[in-house]
Protein backbone atom coordinates (compact mmCIF):
# COMPACT_ATOMS: atom_id res chain seq x y z
CA UNK A 1 139.19 134.66 114.59
CA UNK A 2 138.52 137.45 116.98
CA UNK A 3 141.16 138.24 119.62
CA UNK A 4 140.75 137.80 123.36
CA UNK A 5 144.16 139.30 124.23
CA UNK A 6 142.34 142.10 126.10
CA UNK A 7 141.25 139.44 128.66
CA UNK A 8 144.87 138.59 129.47
CA UNK A 9 145.65 142.31 129.81
CA UNK A 10 142.70 142.93 132.14
CA UNK A 11 143.72 139.86 134.15
CA UNK A 12 147.23 141.22 134.60
CA UNK A 13 145.83 144.65 135.55
CA UNK A 14 143.48 142.83 138.23
CA UNK A 15 146.30 140.69 139.54
CA UNK A 16 148.73 143.67 139.79
CA UNK A 17 146.07 145.76 141.67
CA UNK A 18 145.41 142.93 144.16
CA UNK A 19 149.24 142.54 144.76
CA UNK A 20 149.41 146.29 145.37
CA UNK A 21 146.85 146.08 148.12
CA UNK A 22 148.05 142.86 149.56
CA UNK A 23 151.42 141.51 148.40
CA UNK A 24 150.80 138.02 150.03
CA UNK A 25 147.22 137.66 148.84
CA UNK A 26 147.79 135.02 146.07
CA UNK A 27 150.33 133.12 148.10
CA UNK A 28 147.86 132.81 150.99
CA UNK A 29 144.93 132.14 148.66
CA UNK A 30 146.70 129.22 146.96
CA UNK A 31 147.45 127.42 150.29
CA UNK A 32 143.91 126.89 151.37
CA UNK A 33 140.15 127.11 150.48
CA UNK A 34 137.83 127.59 153.49
CA UNK A 35 134.71 129.53 152.51
CA UNK A 36 131.82 129.79 154.84
CA UNK A 37 129.32 130.18 151.95
CA UNK A 38 128.01 128.02 148.99
CA UNK A 39 126.25 130.16 146.53
CA UNK A 40 123.78 128.41 144.15
CA UNK A 41 122.98 131.16 141.61
CA UNK A 42 121.81 131.85 138.17
CA UNK A 43 124.31 131.65 135.27
CA UNK A 44 123.34 135.22 134.23
CA UNK A 45 126.49 137.18 133.80
CA UNK A 46 125.02 140.21 135.57
CA UNK A 47 124.93 138.28 138.88
CA UNK A 48 128.45 137.75 140.10
CA UNK A 49 128.40 136.21 143.63
CA UNK A 50 131.59 137.57 145.11
CA UNK A 51 131.25 141.08 143.87
CA UNK A 52 127.65 141.59 144.92
CA UNK A 53 128.32 140.21 148.36
CA UNK A 54 131.47 142.35 148.62
CA UNK A 55 133.61 139.22 149.33
CA UNK A 56 137.10 138.44 148.11
CA UNK A 57 138.08 135.36 146.06
CA UNK A 58 138.23 132.31 148.28
CA UNK A 59 135.21 133.46 150.46
CA UNK A 60 132.40 131.91 148.38
CA UNK A 61 132.15 128.47 146.79
CA UNK A 62 129.87 128.96 143.74
CA UNK A 63 127.58 126.84 141.64
CA UNK A 64 125.64 128.45 138.81
CA UNK A 65 123.09 127.18 136.36
CA UNK A 66 120.09 128.44 134.26
CA UNK A 67 117.63 129.97 136.83
CA UNK A 68 119.44 128.70 139.94
CA UNK A 69 117.76 125.30 140.05
CA UNK A 70 118.52 122.57 142.55
CA UNK A 71 117.28 119.38 140.95
CA UNK A 72 117.63 116.03 142.77
CA UNK A 73 118.93 114.35 139.66
CA UNK A 74 121.51 117.01 138.75
CA UNK A 75 124.79 115.35 139.75
CA UNK A 76 126.73 118.47 138.99
CA UNK A 77 124.80 120.69 141.58
CA UNK A 78 124.72 117.75 144.13
CA UNK A 79 128.51 117.07 143.76
CA UNK A 80 129.17 120.83 144.43
CA UNK A 81 126.81 120.77 147.38
CA UNK A 82 128.39 117.53 148.90
CA UNK A 83 131.99 118.92 148.53
CA UNK A 84 131.02 122.26 150.01
CA UNK A 85 129.17 120.75 152.93
CA UNK A 86 131.14 117.66 153.68
CA UNK A 87 134.70 118.76 152.77
CA UNK A 88 134.83 122.52 152.97
CA UNK A 89 132.31 122.62 155.85
CA UNK A 90 130.53 125.77 154.67
CA UNK A 91 128.10 127.13 157.23
CA UNK A 92 125.59 128.73 154.73
CA UNK A 93 124.04 127.63 151.52
CA UNK A 94 122.54 130.67 149.61
CA UNK A 95 120.11 130.00 146.82
CA UNK A 96 120.03 133.32 144.83
CA UNK A 97 117.80 134.11 141.98
CA UNK A 98 117.26 137.50 140.43
CA UNK A 99 114.51 139.58 138.98
CA UNK A 100 114.37 139.60 135.16
CA UNK A 101 115.71 135.98 134.98
CA UNK A 102 115.45 134.90 131.39
CA UNK A 103 114.94 131.28 132.44
CA UNK A 104 112.00 132.09 134.57
CA UNK A 105 110.43 134.25 131.88
CA UNK A 106 110.93 131.59 129.19
CA UNK A 107 109.33 128.96 131.36
CA UNK A 108 106.12 130.93 131.53
CA UNK A 109 105.24 130.50 127.86
CA UNK A 110 104.88 127.49 125.49
CA UNK A 111 107.52 128.51 122.90
CA UNK A 112 109.75 125.68 121.94
CA UNK A 113 113.43 126.48 122.59
CA UNK A 114 115.10 123.14 122.18
CA UNK A 115 117.20 121.27 124.83
CA UNK A 116 116.61 123.95 127.53
CA UNK A 117 112.94 123.06 127.51
CA UNK A 118 113.88 120.03 129.57
CA UNK A 119 115.52 122.22 132.08
CA UNK A 120 112.81 124.68 132.11
CA UNK A 121 110.34 121.94 132.97
CA UNK A 122 111.42 122.26 136.60
CA UNK A 123 110.39 125.96 136.57
CA UNK A 124 107.06 124.97 134.99
CA UNK A 125 106.58 122.79 138.04
CA UNK A 126 107.09 125.77 140.34
CA UNK A 127 104.34 127.58 138.41
CA UNK A 128 102.06 124.54 138.66
CA UNK A 129 102.62 124.44 142.44
CA UNK A 130 101.70 128.14 142.73
CA UNK A 131 99.35 128.55 139.74
CA UNK A 132 96.45 130.24 141.57
CA UNK A 133 98.83 132.82 143.30
CA UNK A 134 100.79 133.58 140.15
CA UNK A 135 97.64 133.87 137.89
CA UNK A 136 96.09 136.27 140.37
CA UNK A 137 98.77 138.85 139.43
CA UNK A 138 97.77 140.75 136.25
CA UNK A 139 100.86 142.94 135.76
CA UNK A 140 103.35 140.87 133.71
CA UNK A 141 106.59 142.24 135.33
CA UNK A 142 105.08 141.59 138.78
CA UNK A 143 104.13 138.19 137.78
CA UNK A 144 107.72 137.46 136.53
CA UNK A 145 109.05 138.84 139.76
CA UNK A 146 106.76 136.62 141.82
CA UNK A 147 107.90 133.63 139.95
CA UNK A 148 111.55 134.53 140.56
CA UNK A 149 110.73 134.65 144.33
CA UNK A 150 108.75 131.41 144.33
CA UNK A 151 111.50 129.70 142.49
CA UNK A 152 113.96 130.61 145.05
CA UNK A 153 111.65 129.45 147.79
CA UNK A 154 111.17 126.09 146.06
CA UNK A 155 114.90 125.65 145.46
CA UNK A 156 115.65 126.36 149.07
CA UNK A 157 113.24 123.60 150.01
CA UNK A 158 115.02 121.29 147.52
CA UNK A 159 118.38 122.09 149.13
CA UNK A 160 117.00 121.54 152.64
CA UNK A 161 115.37 118.18 151.52
CA UNK A 162 118.45 116.84 149.86
CA UNK A 163 120.13 113.83 151.41
CA UNK A 164 123.34 115.83 151.68
CA UNK A 165 121.91 118.52 153.89
CA UNK A 166 119.72 116.05 155.81
CA UNK A 167 122.84 114.07 156.63
CA UNK A 168 124.77 117.18 157.68
CA UNK A 169 122.00 118.21 160.06
CA UNK A 170 121.69 114.67 161.52
CA UNK A 171 125.46 114.79 162.18
CA UNK A 172 124.98 118.02 164.10
CA UNK A 173 126.76 120.16 161.48
CA UNK A 174 126.21 123.89 161.74
CA UNK A 175 124.46 124.66 158.42
CA UNK A 176 121.83 127.12 157.36
CA UNK A 177 120.03 127.39 154.01
CA UNK A 178 118.93 130.74 152.81
CA UNK A 179 117.01 132.27 149.89
CA UNK A 180 117.78 135.57 148.26
CA UNK A 181 116.65 137.49 145.21
CA UNK A 182 118.97 140.04 143.54
CA UNK A 183 117.57 143.19 141.94
CA UNK A 184 119.55 144.04 138.79
CA UNK A 185 118.07 147.58 138.79
CA UNK A 186 119.73 148.63 142.17
CA UNK A 187 122.16 145.86 143.02
CA UNK A 188 120.34 145.01 146.30
CA UNK A 189 119.64 141.49 147.68
CA UNK A 190 116.23 140.73 149.13
CA UNK A 191 116.10 138.07 151.81
CA UNK A 192 113.14 135.93 151.15
CA UNK A 193 113.06 135.01 154.88
CA UNK A 194 112.96 131.30 154.31
CA UNK A 195 116.15 130.36 156.08
CA UNK A 196 116.27 126.89 157.62
CA UNK A 197 118.80 125.30 159.87
CA UNK A 198 117.38 121.82 160.51
CA UNK A 199 116.56 122.51 164.14
């Protein structure tokens, strides 16, 4: 069995560094959770929400899945959304995809991959909705990038049309849904300019 002892060592170093900078950090963090942001992102290990936003632990409530999907039958995602919106009272829901997303790329061919094919079906629907626009792009990388962007736009619409968000807006709750795409090559977020606040 391979050892993971180095992870505990790295954790200790990280905790020590945080305590050096702010001796009360963990004590304060353990007392409450009041993030302003819910991040719905891809499971890709290269897209860490807190770090790329430059925010500390406790500032972002996070849900991640393959290709940052918001599916109306996914009780995991919906439960996270409900808790973040109704209990934590987040003010912003961010759907963030990223260029070079393996889930998006895999959805654009007909290769069988097993169980994940059921999840990728939702991405194939995004392609179906925008087939003419996507097919007009001849460069394969640009086509993948466009699909990553279109997927974020569709998932923002899914969040905004969820019963959870509609209820929050009908109750007058301050809540805005945003769509971003992260560029792995330079670390920069692109605002898809599809923010919606229910007004």
